[in-house]
All heavy atoms as atom14 arrays in JSON, in Angstrom:
{
  "sequence": "GIAVDDTLHFICWYRKEKEAGYSAADAVQRTFVACAQAMIQTTVIAC",
  "atom14_mask": [
    [1, 1, 1, 1, 0, 0, 0, 0, 0, 0, 0, 0, 0, 0],
    [1, 1, 1, 1, 1, 1, 1, 1, 0, 0, 0, 0, 0, 0],
    [1, 1, 1, 1, 1, 0, 0, 0, 0, 0, 0, 0, 0, 0],
    [1, 1, 1, 1, 1, 1, 1, 0, 0, 0, 0, 0, 0, 0],
    [1, 1, 1, 1, 1, 1, 1, 1, 0, 0, 0, 0, 0, 0],
    [1, 1, 1, 1, 1, 1, 1, 1, 0, 0, 0, 0, 0, 0],
    [1, 1, 1, 1, 1, 1, 1, 0, 0, 0, 0, 0, 0, 0],
    [1, 1, 1, 1, 1, 1, 1, 1, 0, 0, 0, 0, 0, 0],
    [1, 1, 1, 1, 1, 1, 1, 1, 1, 1, 0, 0, 0, 0],
    [1, 1, 1, 1, 1, 1, 1, 1, 1, 1, 1, 0, 0, 0],
    [1, 1, 1, 1, 1, 1, 1, 1, 0, 0, 0, 0, 0, 0],
    [1, 1, 1, 1, 1, 1, 0, 0, 0, 0, 0, 0, 0, 0],
    [1, 1, 1, 1, 1, 1, 1, 1, 1, 1, 1, 1, 1, 1],
    [1, 1, 1, 1, 1, 1, 1, 1, 1, 1, 1, 1, 0, 0],
    [1, 1, 1, 1, 1, 1, 1, 1, 1, 1, 1, 0, 0, 0],
    [1, 1, 1, 1, 1, 1, 1, 1, 1, 0, 0, 0, 0, 0],
    [1, 1, 1, 1, 1, 1, 1, 1, 1, 0, 0, 0, 0, 0],
    [1, 1, 1, 1, 1, 1, 1, 1, 1, 0, 0, 0, 0, 0],
    [1, 1, 1, 1, 1, 1, 1, 1, 1, 0, 0, 0, 0, 0],
    [1, 1, 1, 1, 1, 0, 0, 0, 0, 0, 0, 0, 0, 0],
    [1, 1, 1, 1, 0, 0, 0, 0, 0, 0, 0, 0, 0, 0],
    [1, 1, 1, 1, 1, 1, 1, 1, 1, 1, 1, 1, 0, 0],
    [1, 1, 1, 1, 1, 1, 0, 0, 0, 0, 0, 0, 0, 0],
    [1, 1, 1, 1, 1, 0, 0, 0, 0, 0, 0, 0, 0, 0],
    [1, 1, 1, 1, 1, 0, 0, 0, 0, 0, 0, 0, 0, 0],
    [1, 1, 1, 1, 1, 1, 1, 1, 0, 0, 0, 0, 0, 0],
    [1, 1, 1, 1, 1, 0, 0, 0, 0, 0, 0, 0, 0, 0],
    [1, 1, 1, 1, 1, 1, 1, 0, 0, 0, 0, 0, 0, 0],
    [1, 1, 1, 1, 1, 1, 1, 1, 1, 0, 0, 0, 0, 0],
    [1, 1, 1, 1, 1, 1, 1, 1, 1, 1, 1, 0, 0, 0],
    [1, 1, 1, 1, 1, 1, 1, 0, 0, 0, 0, 0, 0, 0],
    [1, 1, 1, 1, 1, 1, 1, 1, 1, 1, 1, 0, 0, 0],
    [1, 1, 1, 1, 1, 1, 1, 0, 0, 0, 0, 0, 0, 0],
    [1, 1, 1, 1, 1, 0, 0, 0, 0, 0, 0, 0, 0, 0],
    [1, 1, 1, 1, 1, 1, 0, 0, 0, 0, 0, 0, 0, 0],
    [1, 1, 1, 1, 1, 0, 0, 0, 0, 0, 0, 0, 0, 0],
    [1, 1, 1, 1, 1, 1, 1, 1, 1, 0, 0, 0, 0, 0],
    [1, 1, 1, 1, 1, 0, 0, 0, 0, 0, 0, 0, 0, 0],
    [1, 1, 1, 1, 1, 1, 1, 1, 0, 0, 0, 0, 0, 0],
    [1, 1, 1, 1, 1, 1, 1, 1, 0, 0, 0, 0, 0, 0],
    [1, 1, 1, 1, 1, 1, 1, 1, 1, 0, 0, 0, 0, 0],
    [1, 1, 1, 1, 1, 1, 1, 0, 0, 0, 0, 0, 0, 0],
    [1, 1, 1, 1, 1, 1, 1, 0, 0, 0, 0, 0, 0, 0],
    [1, 1, 1, 1, 1, 1, 1, 0, 0, 0, 0, 0, 0, 0],
    [1, 1, 1, 1, 1, 1, 1, 1, 0, 0, 0, 0, 0, 0],
    [1, 1, 1, 1, 1, 0, 0, 0, 0, 0, 0, 0, 0, 0],
    [1, 1, 1, 1, 1, 1, 0, 0, 0, 0, 0, 0, 0, 0]
  ],
  "atom14_positions": [
    [[-4.84, 14.52, 24.11], [-5.76, 13.64, 23.43], [-5.7, 13.79, 21.93], [-5.76, 12.8, 21.2], [0.0, 0.0, 0.0], [0.0, 0.0, 0.0], [0.0, 0.0, 0.0], [0.0, 0.0, 0.0], [0.0, 0.0, 0.0], [0.0, 0.0, 0.0], [0.0, 0.0, 0.0], [0.0, 0.0, 0.0], [0.0, 0.0, 0.0], [0.0, 0.0, 0.0]],
    [[-5.54, 15.04, 21.43], [-5.46, 15.26, 20.0], [-4.14, 14.71, 19.43], [-4.12, 14.1, 18.33], [-5.58, 16.76, 19.68], [-6.99, 17.25, 20.09], [-5.34, 17.02, 18.2], [-7.17, 18.74, 19.95], [0.0, 0.0, 0.0], [0.0, 0.0, 0.0], [0.0, 0.0, 0.0], [0.0, 0.0, 0.0], [0.0, 0.0, 0.0], [0.0, 0.0, 0.0]],
    [[-3.05, 14.93, 20.17], [-1.76, 14.45, 19.71], [-1.73, 12.92, 19.55], [-1.07, 12.4, 18.63], [-0.67, 14.88, 20.69], [0.0, 0.0, 0.0], [0.0, 0.0, 0.0], [0.0, 0.0, 0.0], [0.0, 0.0, 0.0], [0.0, 0.0, 0.0], [0.0, 0.0, 0.0], [0.0, 0.0, 0.0], [0.0, 0.0, 0.0], [0.0, 0.0, 0.0]],
    [[-2.49, 12.23, 20.37], [-2.54, 10.78, 20.3], [-3.27, 10.32, 19.02], [-3.01, 9.2, 18.54], [-3.25, 10.21, 21.54], [-3.52, 8.72, 21.43], [-2.39, 10.46, 22.77], [0.0, 0.0, 0.0], [0.0, 0.0, 0.0], [0.0, 0.0, 0.0], [0.0, 0.0, 0.0], [0.0, 0.0, 0.0], [0.0, 0.0, 0.0], [0.0, 0.0, 0.0]],
    [[-4.11, 11.17, 18.43], [-4.88, 10.78, 17.23], [-3.94, 10.29, 16.14], [-4.11, 9.19, 15.6], [-5.71, 11.95, 16.72], [-6.85, 12.3, 17.68], [-6.98, 11.6, 18.69], [-7.57, 13.26, 17.36], [0.0, 0.0, 0.0], [0.0, 0.0, 0.0], [0.0, 0.0, 0.0], [0.0, 0.0, 0.0], [0.0, 0.0, 0.0], [0.0, 0.0, 0.0]],
    [[-2.99, 11.12, 15.75], [-2.05, 10.75, 14.67], [-1.19, 9.58, 15.06], [-0.88, 8.74, 14.23], [-1.17, 11.95, 14.29], [-1.95, 13.0, 13.51], [-3.0, 12.65, 12.92], [-1.54, 14.16, 13.5], [0.0, 0.0, 0.0], [0.0, 0.0, 0.0], [0.0, 0.0, 0.0], [0.0, 0.0, 0.0], [0.0, 0.0, 0.0], [0.0, 0.0, 0.0]],
    [[-0.82, 9.52, 16.33], [-0.04, 8.38, 16.81], [-0.8, 7.08, 16.62], [-0.21, 6.05, 16.23], [0.34, 8.56, 18.29], [1.03, 9.8, 18.45], [1.22, 7.45, 18.77], [0.0, 0.0, 0.0], [0.0, 0.0, 0.0], [0.0, 0.0, 0.0], [0.0, 0.0, 0.0], [0.0, 0.0, 0.0], [0.0, 0.0, 0.0], [0.0, 0.0, 0.0]],
    [[-2.09, 7.11, 16.91], [-2.88, 5.89, 16.75], [-2.92, 5.41, 15.31], [-2.76, 4.24, 15.02], [-4.32, 6.15, 17.24], [-4.53, 6.09, 18.75], [-5.85, 6.71, 19.14], [-4.49, 4.64, 19.21], [0.0, 0.0, 0.0], [0.0, 0.0, 0.0], [0.0, 0.0, 0.0], [0.0, 0.0, 0.0], [0.0, 0.0, 0.0], [0.0, 0.0, 0.0]],
    [[-3.15, 6.35, 14.37], [-3.16, 5.99, 12.96], [-1.8, 5.4, 12.56], [-1.73, 4.44, 11.8], [-3.52, 7.21, 12.1], [-4.97, 7.59, 12.21], [-5.97, 6.93, 11.56], [-5.58, 8.59, 12.93], [-7.15, 7.51, 11.84], [-6.92, 8.52, 12.67], [0.0, 0.0, 0.0], [0.0, 0.0, 0.0], [0.0, 0.0, 0.0], [0.0, 0.0, 0.0]],
    [[-0.73, 6.06, 13.01], [0.62, 5.62, 12.66], [0.89, 4.22, 13.23], [1.39, 3.32, 12.53], [1.64, 6.6, 13.17], [3.02, 6.45, 12.58], [3.4, 7.23, 11.51], [3.91, 5.51, 13.07], [4.69, 7.1, 10.95], [5.17, 5.37, 12.52], [5.55, 6.17, 11.45], [0.0, 0.0, 0.0], [0.0, 0.0, 0.0], [0.0, 0.0, 0.0]],
    [[0.55, 4.02, 14.51], [0.85, 2.76, 15.17], [0.01, 1.63, 14.59], [0.51, 0.5, 14.39], [0.63, 2.87, 16.71], [1.7, 3.76, 17.33], [0.64, 1.51, 17.35], [3.12, 3.24, 17.2], [0.0, 0.0, 0.0], [0.0, 0.0, 0.0], [0.0, 0.0, 0.0], [0.0, 0.0, 0.0], [0.0, 0.0, 0.0], [0.0, 0.0, 0.0]],
    [[-1.25, 1.89, 14.32], [-2.12, 0.85, 13.74], [-1.58, 0.37, 12.38], [-1.54, -0.82, 12.11], [-3.56, 1.37, 13.6], [-4.44, 1.56, 15.16], [0.0, 0.0, 0.0], [0.0, 0.0, 0.0], [0.0, 0.0, 0.0], [0.0, 0.0, 0.0], [0.0, 0.0, 0.0], [0.0, 0.0, 0.0], [0.0, 0.0, 0.0], [0.0, 0.0, 0.0]],
    [[-1.17, 1.33, 11.56], [-0.61, 0.96, 10.25], [0.74, 0.24, 10.41], [1.03, -0.72, 9.71], [-0.45, 2.23, 9.39], [-0.34, 1.91, 7.94], [0.71, 1.35, 7.27], [-1.34, 2.14, 6.93], [0.46, 1.22, 5.97], [-0.79, 1.7, 5.69], [-2.62, 2.68, 6.95], [-1.52, 1.77, 4.5], [-3.32, 2.77, 5.77], [-2.77, 2.32, 4.57]],
    [[1.56, 0.74, 11.35], [2.87, 0.13, 11.59], [2.72, -1.33, 12.03], [3.46, -2.22, 11.55], [3.61, 0.94, 12.64], [4.91, 0.33, 13.1], [6.06, 0.4, 12.34], [4.98, -0.35, 14.34], [7.25, -0.18, 12.77], [6.14, -0.93, 14.78], [7.27, -0.83, 13.99], [8.45, -1.39, 14.43], [0.0, 0.0, 0.0], [0.0, 0.0, 0.0]],
    [[1.8, -1.59, 12.93], [1.62, -2.96, 13.4], [1.12, -3.85, 12.26], [1.48, -5.04, 12.18], [0.62, -3.0, 14.57], [1.24, -2.51, 15.89], [0.2, -2.51, 17.0], [-0.37, -3.82, 17.2], [0.19, -4.77, 17.92], [1.36, -4.55, 18.53], [-0.42, -5.95, 18.07], [0.0, 0.0, 0.0], [0.0, 0.0, 0.0], [0.0, 0.0, 0.0]],
    [[0.27, -3.3, 11.38], [-0.18, -4.07, 10.25], [0.98, -4.45, 9.33], [1.06, -5.58, 8.84], [-1.24, -3.25, 9.47], [-1.86, -4.02, 8.29], [-2.91, -3.19, 7.58], [-2.26, -2.04, 6.84], [-3.26, -1.33, 5.99], [0.0, 0.0, 0.0], [0.0, 0.0, 0.0], [0.0, 0.0, 0.0], [0.0, 0.0, 0.0], [0.0, 0.0, 0.0]],
    [[1.91, -3.52, 9.12], [3.07, -3.8, 8.3], [4.0, -4.83, 8.96], [4.56, -5.71, 8.31], [3.82, -2.5, 8.0], [3.06, -1.47, 7.21], [2.77, -1.89, 5.78], [3.34, -2.9, 5.34], [1.95, -1.23, 5.12], [0.0, 0.0, 0.0], [0.0, 0.0, 0.0], [0.0, 0.0, 0.0], [0.0, 0.0, 0.0], [0.0, 0.0, 0.0]],
    [[4.13, -4.73, 10.29], [4.98, -5.72, 10.97], [4.34, -7.11, 10.9], [5.05, -8.1, 10.73], [5.14, -5.3, 12.45], [6.07, -4.12, 12.66], [7.51, -4.41, 12.25], [8.21, -5.47, 13.06], [8.55, -5.07, 14.42], [0.0, 0.0, 0.0], [0.0, 0.0, 0.0], [0.0, 0.0, 0.0], [0.0, 0.0, 0.0], [0.0, 0.0, 0.0]],
    [[3.03, -7.15, 11.0], [2.35, -8.45, 10.91], [2.48, -9.03, 9.51], [2.39, -10.26, 9.32], [0.88, -8.31, 11.29], [0.64, -8.02, 12.76], [-0.78, -7.66, 13.09], [-1.58, -7.61, 12.14], [-1.08, -7.46, 14.27], [0.0, 0.0, 0.0], [0.0, 0.0, 0.0], [0.0, 0.0, 0.0], [0.0, 0.0, 0.0], [0.0, 0.0, 0.0]],
    [[2.66, -8.15, 8.51], [2.87, -8.62, 7.14], [4.28, -9.16, 6.95], [4.55, -9.7, 5.86], [2.58, -7.48, 6.16], [0.0, 0.0, 0.0], [0.0, 0.0, 0.0], [0.0, 0.0, 0.0], [0.0, 0.0, 0.0], [0.0, 0.0, 0.0], [0.0, 0.0, 0.0], [0.0, 0.0, 0.0], [0.0, 0.0, 0.0], [0.0, 0.0, 0.0]],
    [[5.16, -9.02, 7.94], [6.5, -9.61, 7.84], [7.61, -8.64, 7.58], [8.74, -9.06, 7.36], [0.0, 0.0, 0.0], [0.0, 0.0, 0.0], [0.0, 0.0, 0.0], [0.0, 0.0, 0.0], [0.0, 0.0, 0.0], [0.0, 0.0, 0.0], [0.0, 0.0, 0.0], [0.0, 0.0, 0.0], [0.0, 0.0, 0.0], [0.0, 0.0, 0.0]],
    [[7.34, -7.34, 7.6], [8.4, -6.37, 7.35], [9.2, -6.11, 8.61], [8.72, -6.21, 9.73], [7.79, -5.06, 6.82], [7.25, -5.19, 5.42], [5.91, -5.49, 5.2], [8.1, -5.03, 4.32], [5.4, -5.6, 3.92], [7.6, -5.15, 3.02], [6.24, -5.44, 2.83], [5.75, -5.58, 1.57], [0.0, 0.0, 0.0], [0.0, 0.0, 0.0]],
    [[10.44, -5.73, 8.39], [11.31, -5.34, 9.51], [10.86, -4.02, 10.06], [10.05, -3.3, 9.45], [12.76, -5.25, 9.04], [12.93, -4.19, 8.12], [0.0, 0.0, 0.0], [0.0, 0.0, 0.0], [0.0, 0.0, 0.0], [0.0, 0.0, 0.0], [0.0, 0.0, 0.0], [0.0, 0.0, 0.0], [0.0, 0.0, 0.0], [0.0, 0.0, 0.0]],
    [[11.42, -3.6, 11.21], [11.03, -2.36, 11.82], [11.32, -1.18, 10.91], [10.47, -0.3, 10.72], [11.76, -2.17, 13.16], [0.0, 0.0, 0.0], [0.0, 0.0, 0.0], [0.0, 0.0, 0.0], [0.0, 0.0, 0.0], [0.0, 0.0, 0.0], [0.0, 0.0, 0.0], [0.0, 0.0, 0.0], [0.0, 0.0, 0.0], [0.0, 0.0, 0.0]],
    [[12.53, -1.14, 10.28], [12.84, -0.05, 9.42], [11.94, 0.0, 8.18], [11.48, 1.08, 7.79], [14.32, -0.14, 8.99], [0.0, 0.0, 0.0], [0.0, 0.0, 0.0], [0.0, 0.0, 0.0], [0.0, 0.0, 0.0], [0.0, 0.0, 0.0], [0.0, 0.0, 0.0], [0.0, 0.0, 0.0], [0.0, 0.0, 0.0], [0.0, 0.0, 0.0]],
    [[11.7, -1.16, 7.6], [10.83, -1.19, 6.41], [9.4, -0.84, 6.78], [8.71, -0.13, 6.04], [10.88, -2.57, 5.77], [12.25, -2.9, 5.19], [13.08, -1.95, 5.1], [12.51, -4.07, 4.88], [0.0, 0.0, 0.0], [0.0, 0.0, 0.0], [0.0, 0.0, 0.0], [0.0, 0.0, 0.0], [0.0, 0.0, 0.0], [0.0, 0.0, 0.0]],
    [[8.93, -1.35, 7.91], [7.55, -1.06, 8.34], [7.36, 0.42, 8.61], [6.34, 1.01, 8.31], [7.2, -1.88, 9.57], [0.0, 0.0, 0.0], [0.0, 0.0, 0.0], [0.0, 0.0, 0.0], [0.0, 0.0, 0.0], [0.0, 0.0, 0.0], [0.0, 0.0, 0.0], [0.0, 0.0, 0.0], [0.0, 0.0, 0.0], [0.0, 0.0, 0.0]],
    [[8.38, 1.05, 9.21], [8.33, 2.48, 9.48], [8.25, 3.25, 8.16], [7.45, 4.2, 8.01], [9.56, 2.93, 10.29], [9.74, 4.46, 10.23], [9.42, 2.51, 11.73], [0.0, 0.0, 0.0], [0.0, 0.0, 0.0], [0.0, 0.0, 0.0], [0.0, 0.0, 0.0], [0.0, 0.0, 0.0], [0.0, 0.0, 0.0], [0.0, 0.0, 0.0]],
    [[9.04, 2.85, 7.17], [9.03, 3.55, 5.89], [7.7, 3.41, 5.19], [7.14, 4.38, 4.66], [10.17, 3.04, 5.0], [11.55, 3.36, 5.53], [12.65, 3.03, 4.57], [12.56, 3.33, 3.4], [13.68, 2.39, 5.04], [0.0, 0.0, 0.0], [0.0, 0.0, 0.0], [0.0, 0.0, 0.0], [0.0, 0.0, 0.0], [0.0, 0.0, 0.0]],
    [[7.15, 2.21, 5.16], [5.87, 2.0, 4.52], [4.75, 2.76, 5.25], [3.84, 3.35, 4.63], [5.55, 0.5, 4.44], [6.48, -0.27, 3.53], [6.12, -1.76, 3.56], [4.81, -2.03, 3.02], [4.51, -2.2, 1.72], [5.5, -2.11, 0.83], [3.29, -2.47, 1.33], [0.0, 0.0, 0.0], [0.0, 0.0, 0.0], [0.0, 0.0, 0.0]],
    [[4.81, 2.75, 6.58], [3.82, 3.47, 7.38], [3.93, 4.96, 7.13], [2.93, 5.68, 7.02], [4.0, 3.15, 8.86], [3.85, 1.74, 9.05], [2.96, 3.88, 9.7], [0.0, 0.0, 0.0], [0.0, 0.0, 0.0], [0.0, 0.0, 0.0], [0.0, 0.0, 0.0], [0.0, 0.0, 0.0], [0.0, 0.0, 0.0], [0.0, 0.0, 0.0]],
    [[5.16, 5.44, 7.09], [5.37, 6.88, 6.9], [4.8, 7.31, 5.54], [4.08, 8.34, 5.45], [6.87, 7.18, 6.92], [7.21, 8.64, 6.97], [7.49, 9.28, 8.18], [7.27, 9.38, 5.78], [7.8, 10.64, 8.17], [7.59, 10.73, 5.81], [7.85, 11.35, 7.0], [0.0, 0.0, 0.0], [0.0, 0.0, 0.0], [0.0, 0.0, 0.0]],
    [[5.06, 6.55, 4.5], [4.57, 6.9, 3.17], [3.03, 6.88, 3.15], [2.39, 7.68, 2.49], [5.17, 5.96, 2.12], [4.49, 6.16, 0.76], [6.67, 6.19, 2.01], [0.0, 0.0, 0.0], [0.0, 0.0, 0.0], [0.0, 0.0, 0.0], [0.0, 0.0, 0.0], [0.0, 0.0, 0.0], [0.0, 0.0, 0.0], [0.0, 0.0, 0.0]],
    [[2.46, 5.92, 3.88], [1.0, 5.77, 3.87], [0.28, 6.81, 4.71], [-0.82, 7.23, 4.38], [0.64, 4.36, 4.34], [0.0, 0.0, 0.0], [0.0, 0.0, 0.0], [0.0, 0.0, 0.0], [0.0, 0.0, 0.0], [0.0, 0.0, 0.0], [0.0, 0.0, 0.0], [0.0, 0.0, 0.0], [0.0, 0.0, 0.0], [0.0, 0.0, 0.0]],
    [[0.9, 7.23, 5.86], [0.18, 8.04, 6.83], [0.66, 9.48, 6.94], [-0.09, 10.32, 7.43], [0.3, 7.4, 8.22], [-0.42, 5.78, 8.37], [0.0, 0.0, 0.0], [0.0, 0.0, 0.0], [0.0, 0.0, 0.0], [0.0, 0.0, 0.0], [0.0, 0.0, 0.0], [0.0, 0.0, 0.0], [0.0, 0.0, 0.0], [0.0, 0.0, 0.0]],
    [[1.89, 9.75, 6.52], [2.49, 11.06, 6.8], [1.67, 12.18, 6.18], [1.48, 13.24, 6.82], [3.92, 11.1, 6.33], [0.0, 0.0, 0.0], [0.0, 0.0, 0.0], [0.0, 0.0, 0.0], [0.0, 0.0, 0.0], [0.0, 0.0, 0.0], [0.0, 0.0, 0.0], [0.0, 0.0, 0.0], [0.0, 0.0, 0.0], [0.0, 0.0, 0.0]],
    [[1.24, 11.99, 4.93], [0.5, 13.09, 4.29], [-0.77, 13.44, 5.03], [-1.08, 14.61, 5.24], [0.19, 12.7, 2.85], [1.28, 13.1, 1.86], [0.76, 13.09, 0.44], [0.32, 12.04, -0.04], [0.8, 14.2, -0.23], [0.0, 0.0, 0.0], [0.0, 0.0, 0.0], [0.0, 0.0, 0.0], [0.0, 0.0, 0.0], [0.0, 0.0, 0.0]],
    [[-1.54, 12.42, 5.44], [-2.76, 12.69, 6.18], [-2.44, 13.37, 7.5], [-3.2, 14.28, 7.92], [-3.51, 11.4, 6.44], [0.0, 0.0, 0.0], [0.0, 0.0, 0.0], [0.0, 0.0, 0.0], [0.0, 0.0, 0.0], [0.0, 0.0, 0.0], [0.0, 0.0, 0.0], [0.0, 0.0, 0.0], [0.0, 0.0, 0.0], [0.0, 0.0, 0.0]],
    [[-1.38, 12.97, 8.18], [-1.0, 13.58, 9.45], [-0.61, 15.04, 9.25], [-1.0, 15.93, 10.04], [0.13, 12.79, 10.08], [-0.27, 11.37, 10.49], [1.13, 10.28, 10.83], [1.77, 11.02, 12.31], [0.0, 0.0, 0.0], [0.0, 0.0, 0.0], [0.0, 0.0, 0.0], [0.0, 0.0, 0.0], [0.0, 0.0, 0.0], [0.0, 0.0, 0.0]],
    [[0.13, 15.3, 8.19], [0.53, 16.69, 7.9], [-0.7, 17.52, 7.55], [-0.86, 18.68, 7.98], [1.57, 16.72, 6.76], [2.88, 16.08, 7.21], [1.83, 18.18, 6.31], [3.88, 15.88, 6.12], [0.0, 0.0, 0.0], [0.0, 0.0, 0.0], [0.0, 0.0, 0.0], [0.0, 0.0, 0.0], [0.0, 0.0, 0.0], [0.0, 0.0, 0.0]],
    [[-1.57, 16.95, 6.73], [-2.77, 17.68, 6.32], [-3.65, 18.01, 7.52], [-4.09, 19.16, 7.66], [-3.57, 16.82, 5.31], [-2.93, 16.67, 3.97], [-3.56, 15.6, 3.12], [-4.45, 14.91, 3.58], [-3.12, 15.46, 1.88], [0.0, 0.0, 0.0], [0.0, 0.0, 0.0], [0.0, 0.0, 0.0], [0.0, 0.0, 0.0], [0.0, 0.0, 0.0]],
    [[-3.88, 17.05, 8.41], [-4.76, 17.33, 9.54], [-4.13, 18.38, 10.46], [-4.86, 19.23, 11.0], [-5.03, 16.05, 10.34], [-3.79, 15.41, 10.71], [-5.83, 15.06, 9.49], [0.0, 0.0, 0.0], [0.0, 0.0, 0.0], [0.0, 0.0, 0.0], [0.0, 0.0, 0.0], [0.0, 0.0, 0.0], [0.0, 0.0, 0.0], [0.0, 0.0, 0.0]],
    [[-2.83, 18.33, 10.64], [-2.18, 19.3, 11.52], [-2.24, 20.7, 10.93], [-2.56, 21.67, 11.63], [-0.72, 18.86, 11.78], [-0.69, 17.59, 12.41], [-0.03, 19.88, 12.69], [0.0, 0.0, 0.0], [0.0, 0.0, 0.0], [0.0, 0.0, 0.0], [0.0, 0.0, 0.0], [0.0, 0.0, 0.0], [0.0, 0.0, 0.0], [0.0, 0.0, 0.0]],
    [[-1.9, 20.81, 9.65], [-1.9, 22.12, 9.01], [-3.31, 22.72, 9.02], [-3.52, 23.9, 9.3], [-1.37, 22.01, 7.57], [-1.56, 23.33, 6.84], [0.1, 21.63, 7.57], [0.0, 0.0, 0.0], [0.0, 0.0, 0.0], [0.0, 0.0, 0.0], [0.0, 0.0, 0.0], [0.0, 0.0, 0.0], [0.0, 0.0, 0.0], [0.0, 0.0, 0.0]],
    [[-4.33, 21.89, 8.71], [-5.69, 22.38, 8.68], [-6.16, 22.78, 10.07], [-6.83, 23.8, 10.27], [-6.62, 21.31, 8.07], [-6.3, 21.14, 6.58], [-8.08, 21.7, 8.25], [-6.97, 19.95, 5.96], [0.0, 0.0, 0.0], [0.0, 0.0, 0.0], [0.0, 0.0, 0.0], [0.0, 0.0, 0.0], [0.0, 0.0, 0.0], [0.0, 0.0, 0.0]],
    [[-5.79, 21.95, 11.08], [-6.16, 22.28, 12.47], [-5.52, 23.61, 12.88], [-6.17, 24.43, 13.55], [-5.74, 21.17, 13.41], [0.0, 0.0, 0.0], [0.0, 0.0, 0.0], [0.0, 0.0, 0.0], [0.0, 0.0, 0.0], [0.0, 0.0, 0.0], [0.0, 0.0, 0.0], [0.0, 0.0, 0.0], [0.0, 0.0, 0.0], [0.0, 0.0, 0.0]],
    [[-4.27, 23.81, 12.53], [-3.59, 25.05, 12.87], [-4.23, 26.24, 12.17], [-4.36, 27.33, 12.75], [-2.11, 24.96, 12.54], [-1.18, 23.82, 13.61], [0.0, 0.0, 0.0], [0.0, 0.0, 0.0], [0.0, 0.0, 0.0], [0.0, 0.0, 0.0], [0.0, 0.0, 0.0], [0.0, 0.0, 0.0], [0.0, 0.0, 0.0], [0.0, 0.0, 0.0]]
  ]
}
């Protein structure tokens, strides 16, 4: 259940980028830049 948390944030942002017209590779990059730091922060703090 916890692992799905970050996946949800990533997928929600990714779908928003795809709806904006970006390709899969571009949407992944924009999503990664937007979400990766928060995902790393939450994981490190949880650990």
